[in-house]
Amino acid sequence: MTRPRPAVLVLAAGALALAAGTAGIAWAGSGMHVESVGSRPTAQPEPSVATRESVNDETSSAPQAKDSPYRTLERRDATQLPRPDRAPRPTSIEIPALDMSAPVDVVGVADDGQVEVPVDVRRAGWYRFSAKPAAGAGSVVIVGHRDGVDQGGGAFIDLGNLRPGDLITVTTEQDRALTYEVAARESFAKSKVPLRELFSRSGPERLTLITCGGPFDPARLEYTDNIVVTALPVDTAADLPETP
């Protein structure tokens, strides 16, 4: 899949430099770091999420993108992946605190081992092997670009501004609007993202939003971190203690 290219705004030269690879717009040396706030509910890591443990997997020799902002675990034979159920999938997401709304596409795992992200940066993607809204358990994973040089700001460009208590509405195929309340906003170095926990289909029902974050590394042409926002269904969130 062709991904939007990043732009690095070189302040000294006042010029826009282009590079291929990771999607994003960043200000070199800006040190944009998002602090983690709130508390993410505990979930058991789930090793069956998109792993490459099958001996007969024809893609087992394919190189992994070590520094992908949406790096999955490792791929696994498709017969071992969770079977998608027929419950209504998410079709749109709205975040009033960010004045943001976006359609949600269905995405899977690309050949390079990354979770697919819509080419159009204004659209988000629901990972089809994650839970569905109102499933009662597991993580509903929606990913999105921060931005792209050819298209401007992406759907999740302001995700790092969300705080505990902010509301998110996810609408499903049956036009059912489900409201979630942000419980945590976290920033991880890409090598430290707890993927098995974030993608787990077990544990309490939760919405997991993921995008790029942190400063832009011009040497590696990528953002250094991932921003993860975890939100709970409003009925569940109301039972949680307030976060200072």
Protein backbone atom coordinates (compact mmCIF):
# COMPACT_ATOMS: atom_id res chain seq x y z
CA MET A 1 0.00 0.00 0.00
CA THR A 2 1.27 3.44 -0.86
CA ARG A 3 1.30 5.66 2.21
CA PRO A 4 1.26 9.46 2.35
CA ARG A 5 4.70 11.01 2.58
CA PRO A 6 5.92 13.08 5.51
CA ALA A 7 6.91 16.72 5.42
CA VAL A 8 9.62 18.26 7.58
CA LEU A 9 9.37 21.99 8.11
CA VAL A 10 12.98 23.22 8.29
CA LEU A 11 12.64 26.44 10.24
CA ALA A 12 16.07 27.85 9.48
CA ALA A 13 15.62 27.53 5.72
CA GLY A 14 11.90 28.16 5.70
CA ALA A 15 11.48 25.35 3.20
CA LEU A 16 9.34 22.24 3.04
CA ALA A 17 11.35 19.04 2.58
CA LEU A 18 9.70 15.85 1.34
CA ALA A 19 10.59 12.26 2.14
CA ALA A 20 9.03 8.90 1.37
CA GLY A 21 7.96 6.39 4.00
CA THR A 22 6.14 7.25 7.22
CA ALA A 23 3.12 9.51 7.03
CA GLY A 24 3.37 12.76 8.89
CA ILE A 25 4.05 16.48 9.08
CA ALA A 26 6.55 17.49 11.73
CA TRP A 27 8.64 20.41 12.83
CA ALA A 28 12.27 19.34 13.04
CA GLY A 29 13.65 19.58 16.55
CA SER A 30 10.29 20.61 17.95
CA GLY A 31 10.39 17.95 20.67
CA MET A 32 6.62 17.51 20.54
CA HIS A 33 6.05 15.03 23.35
CA VAL A 34 2.66 14.07 24.70
CA GLU A 35 2.54 13.21 28.39
CA SER A 36 0.62 10.15 29.48
CA VAL A 37 -2.44 10.86 31.63
CA GLY A 38 -5.24 8.76 33.07
CA SER A 39 -5.36 5.01 33.59
CA ARG A 40 -5.86 2.28 31.00
CA PRO A 41 -7.92 -0.73 32.17
CA THR A 42 -5.92 -3.92 32.64
CA ALA A 43 -6.19 -6.54 29.91
CA GLN A 44 -4.35 -9.81 29.50
CA PRO A 45 -1.91 -9.84 26.58
CA GLU A 46 -3.27 -11.91 23.73
CA PRO A 47 -0.59 -13.72 21.71
CA SER A 48 -3.01 -14.75 18.95
CA VAL A 49 -3.30 -11.28 17.41
CA ALA A 50 -1.77 -11.36 13.93
CA THR A 51 1.29 -13.47 14.71
CA ARG A 52 3.62 -15.28 12.32
CA GLU A 53 3.89 -18.51 14.29
CA SER A 54 2.64 -20.85 11.58
CA VAL A 55 5.43 -22.94 10.08
CA ASN A 56 3.63 -23.04 6.74
CA ASP A 57 3.01 -19.28 6.49
CA GLU A 58 4.23 -18.32 3.02
CA THR A 59 4.96 -14.79 4.21
CA SER A 60 7.21 -15.89 7.08
CA SER A 61 10.36 -14.78 5.25
CA ALA A 62 9.02 -11.29 4.49
CA PRO A 63 10.98 -8.53 6.25
CA GLN A 64 9.29 -6.79 9.14
CA ALA A 65 9.08 -3.00 9.30
CA LYS A 66 10.90 -2.58 12.61
CA ASP A 67 9.97 1.03 13.08
CA SER A 68 6.46 1.09 11.73
CA PRO A 69 4.16 3.35 13.76
CA TYR A 70 1.51 0.65 13.46
CA ARG A 71 3.77 -2.38 13.77
CA THR A 72 1.74 -5.48 14.60
CA LEU A 73 3.09 -8.52 16.39
CA GLU A 74 4.04 -10.99 13.71
CA ARG A 75 1.75 -12.50 11.13
CA ARG A 76 0.11 -15.87 11.53
CA ASP A 77 -1.62 -18.28 9.19
CA ALA A 78 -5.00 -16.75 8.36
CA THR A 79 -6.79 -19.88 9.56
CA GLN A 80 -5.55 -19.12 13.07
CA LEU A 81 -6.77 -15.53 13.15
CA PRO A 82 -9.96 -14.74 15.08
CA ARG A 83 -12.99 -15.18 12.84
CA PRO A 84 -14.68 -11.83 12.19
CA ASP A 85 -18.22 -11.91 13.56
CA ARG A 86 -21.26 -10.48 11.82
CA ALA A 87 -22.00 -7.81 14.41
CA PRO A 88 -22.22 -4.25 13.00
CA ARG A 89 -18.80 -2.73 12.43
CA PRO A 90 -17.93 0.92 13.08
CA THR A 91 -18.50 3.26 10.14
CA SER A 92 -17.66 6.68 11.60
CA ILE A 93 -16.05 8.32 14.60
CA GLU A 94 -16.70 11.75 16.12
CA ILE A 95 -14.69 13.55 18.80
CA PRO A 96 -16.41 16.82 19.82
CA ALA A 97 -13.49 18.05 21.93
CA LEU A 98 -11.33 18.06 18.79
CA ASP A 99 -14.12 19.22 16.44
CA MET A 100 -13.34 16.07 14.48
CA SER A 101 -15.37 13.50 12.61
CA ALA A 102 -14.22 10.91 10.11
CA PRO A 103 -15.52 7.89 8.23
CA VAL A 104 -14.08 4.55 9.36
CA ASP A 105 -12.92 1.94 6.84
CA VAL A 106 -12.12 -1.72 7.48
CA VAL A 107 -8.38 -2.46 7.58
CA GLY A 108 -6.31 -5.58 8.13
CA VAL A 109 -2.65 -6.55 8.03
CA ALA A 110 -0.47 -5.55 5.09
CA ASP A 111 2.18 -7.81 3.57
CA ASP A 112 4.93 -5.97 5.45
CA GLY A 113 3.37 -6.85 8.81
CA GLN A 114 1.89 -3.42 9.48
CA VAL A 115 -1.70 -2.69 10.34
CA GLU A 116 -3.15 -1.08 7.24
CA VAL A 117 -4.15 2.56 7.43
CA PRO A 118 -6.43 4.26 4.86
CA VAL A 119 -4.48 6.07 2.15
CA ASP A 120 -6.80 9.05 2.58
CA VAL A 121 -5.50 10.65 5.78
CA ARG A 122 -8.94 12.10 6.52
CA ARG A 123 -10.31 8.57 7.06
CA ALA A 124 -9.71 6.24 10.00
CA GLY A 125 -9.44 2.45 9.94
CA TRP A 126 -11.02 -0.19 12.18
CA TYR A 127 -8.71 -3.20 12.56
CA ARG A 128 -10.98 -6.06 11.52
CA PHE A 129 -9.41 -8.63 13.86
CA SER A 130 -10.12 -6.47 16.90
CA ALA A 131 -13.40 -6.36 18.81
CA LYS A 132 -16.52 -4.67 17.46
CA PRO A 133 -18.37 -1.90 19.29
CA ALA A 134 -20.78 -3.14 21.99
CA ALA A 135 -19.19 -6.60 21.92
CA GLY A 136 -19.01 -6.49 25.71
CA ALA A 137 -15.31 -7.33 25.87
CA GLY A 138 -12.04 -6.58 24.12
CA SER A 139 -10.38 -3.68 22.37
CA VAL A 140 -12.05 -1.91 19.43
CA VAL A 141 -8.93 -0.71 17.60
CA ILE A 142 -9.17 2.29 15.28
CA VAL A 143 -6.01 3.69 13.67
CA GLY A 144 -5.48 6.91 11.77
CA HIS A 145 -2.82 9.08 10.20
CA ARG A 146 -1.62 12.18 11.96
CA ASP A 147 -1.23 13.92 8.60
CA GLY A 148 0.31 13.68 5.15
CA VAL A 149 2.23 16.17 3.07
CA ASP A 150 0.07 15.62 0.00
CA GLN A 151 -3.21 15.86 1.91
CA GLY A 152 -2.67 18.04 4.96
CA GLY A 153 -3.96 17.27 8.43
CA GLY A 154 -5.16 13.75 9.08
CA ALA A 155 -8.11 12.46 11.05
CA PHE A 156 -6.02 11.95 14.20
CA ILE A 157 -3.80 15.02 13.99
CA ASP A 158 -5.01 16.33 17.37
CA LEU A 159 -5.38 12.99 19.14
CA GLY A 160 -2.66 13.95 21.62
CA ASN A 161 -4.87 16.77 22.93
CA LEU A 162 -7.53 14.44 24.30
CA ARG A 163 -7.85 14.18 28.07
CA PRO A 164 -9.66 11.85 30.46
CA GLY A 165 -13.35 12.70 30.48
CA ASP A 166 -13.54 13.71 26.81
CA LEU A 167 -16.25 11.90 24.87
CA ILE A 168 -15.99 9.91 21.64
CA THR A 169 -18.91 8.68 19.55
CA VAL A 170 -18.60 5.66 17.28
CA THR A 171 -21.44 4.95 14.85
CA THR A 172 -22.00 1.43 13.50
CA GLU A 173 -23.49 0.04 10.29
CA GLN A 174 -26.92 -0.02 11.90
CA ASP A 175 -26.63 3.71 12.66
CA ARG A 176 -26.26 2.96 16.34
CA ALA A 177 -24.27 5.71 18.08
CA LEU A 178 -22.11 4.45 20.96
CA THR A 179 -20.46 6.90 23.35
CA TYR A 180 -17.10 6.31 25.01
CA GLU A 181 -15.30 8.37 27.64
CA VAL A 182 -11.53 8.80 27.48
CA ALA A 183 -9.86 6.99 30.36
CA ALA A 184 -6.22 7.37 29.34
CA ARG A 185 -3.93 9.06 26.85
CA GLU A 186 -0.50 7.47 26.56
CA SER A 187 2.68 8.08 24.63
CA PHE A 188 5.05 5.22 23.88
CA ALA A 189 8.35 4.95 22.06
CA LYS A 190 7.58 2.73 19.10
CA SER A 191 9.73 -0.07 20.49
CA LYS A 192 7.77 0.02 23.76
CA VAL A 193 4.16 -0.07 22.54
CA PRO A 194 2.33 -2.89 24.43
CA LEU A 195 0.74 -4.28 21.28
CA ARG A 196 -0.62 -7.52 22.72
CA GLU A 197 -2.48 -5.60 25.41
CA LEU A 198 -3.76 -2.87 23.12
CA PHE A 199 -5.04 -5.35 20.52
CA SER A 200 -6.39 -7.95 22.95
CA ARG A 201 -9.96 -9.15 22.42
CA SER A 202 -10.21 -10.01 26.12
CA GLY A 203 -10.69 -7.80 29.15
CA PRO A 204 -13.19 -4.97 29.54
CA GLU A 205 -14.78 -3.46 26.46
CA ARG A 206 -12.76 -0.42 25.37
CA LEU A 207 -12.01 1.77 22.38
CA THR A 208 -8.34 2.07 21.42
CA LEU A 209 -7.23 4.89 19.08
CA ILE A 210 -3.65 4.87 17.74
CA THR A 211 -1.64 7.37 15.70
CA CYS A 212 1.92 8.72 15.34
CA GLY A 213 3.36 11.00 18.01
CA GLY A 214 6.46 12.52 19.52
CA PRO A 215 9.07 14.58 17.69
CA PHE A 216 10.02 13.87 14.11
CA ASP A 217 13.42 12.25 13.60
CA PRO A 218 14.80 13.72 10.35
CA ALA A 219 17.57 11.13 10.22
CA ARG A 220 15.10 8.25 10.24
CA LEU A 221 12.28 10.16 8.50
CA GLU A 222 9.67 9.15 11.05
CA TYR A 223 7.99 10.11 14.27
CA THR A 224 9.57 8.58 17.34
CA ASP A 225 6.44 7.65 19.29
CA ASN A 226 2.88 6.41 19.11
CA ILE A 227 -0.03 8.11 20.85
CA VAL A 228 -2.65 5.75 22.24
CA VAL A 229 -6.02 6.88 23.58
CA THR A 230 -8.15 4.40 25.53
CA ALA A 231 -11.84 5.12 26.08
CA LEU A 232 -14.53 3.14 27.89
CA PRO A 233 -18.27 2.88 27.25
CA VAL A 234 -19.92 5.65 29.23
CA ASP A 235 -21.70 3.25 31.58
CA THR A 236 -18.37 1.62 32.44
CA ALA A 237 -16.48 4.90 32.63
CA ALA A 238 -19.00 6.25 35.17
CA ASP A 239 -17.94 3.52 37.59
CA LEU A 240 -14.27 4.45 37.50
CA PRO A 241 -12.65 6.70 40.13
CA GLU A 242 -11.80 10.18 38.96
CA THR A 243 -8.22 10.70 37.78
CA PRO A 244 -6.39 13.62 39.42
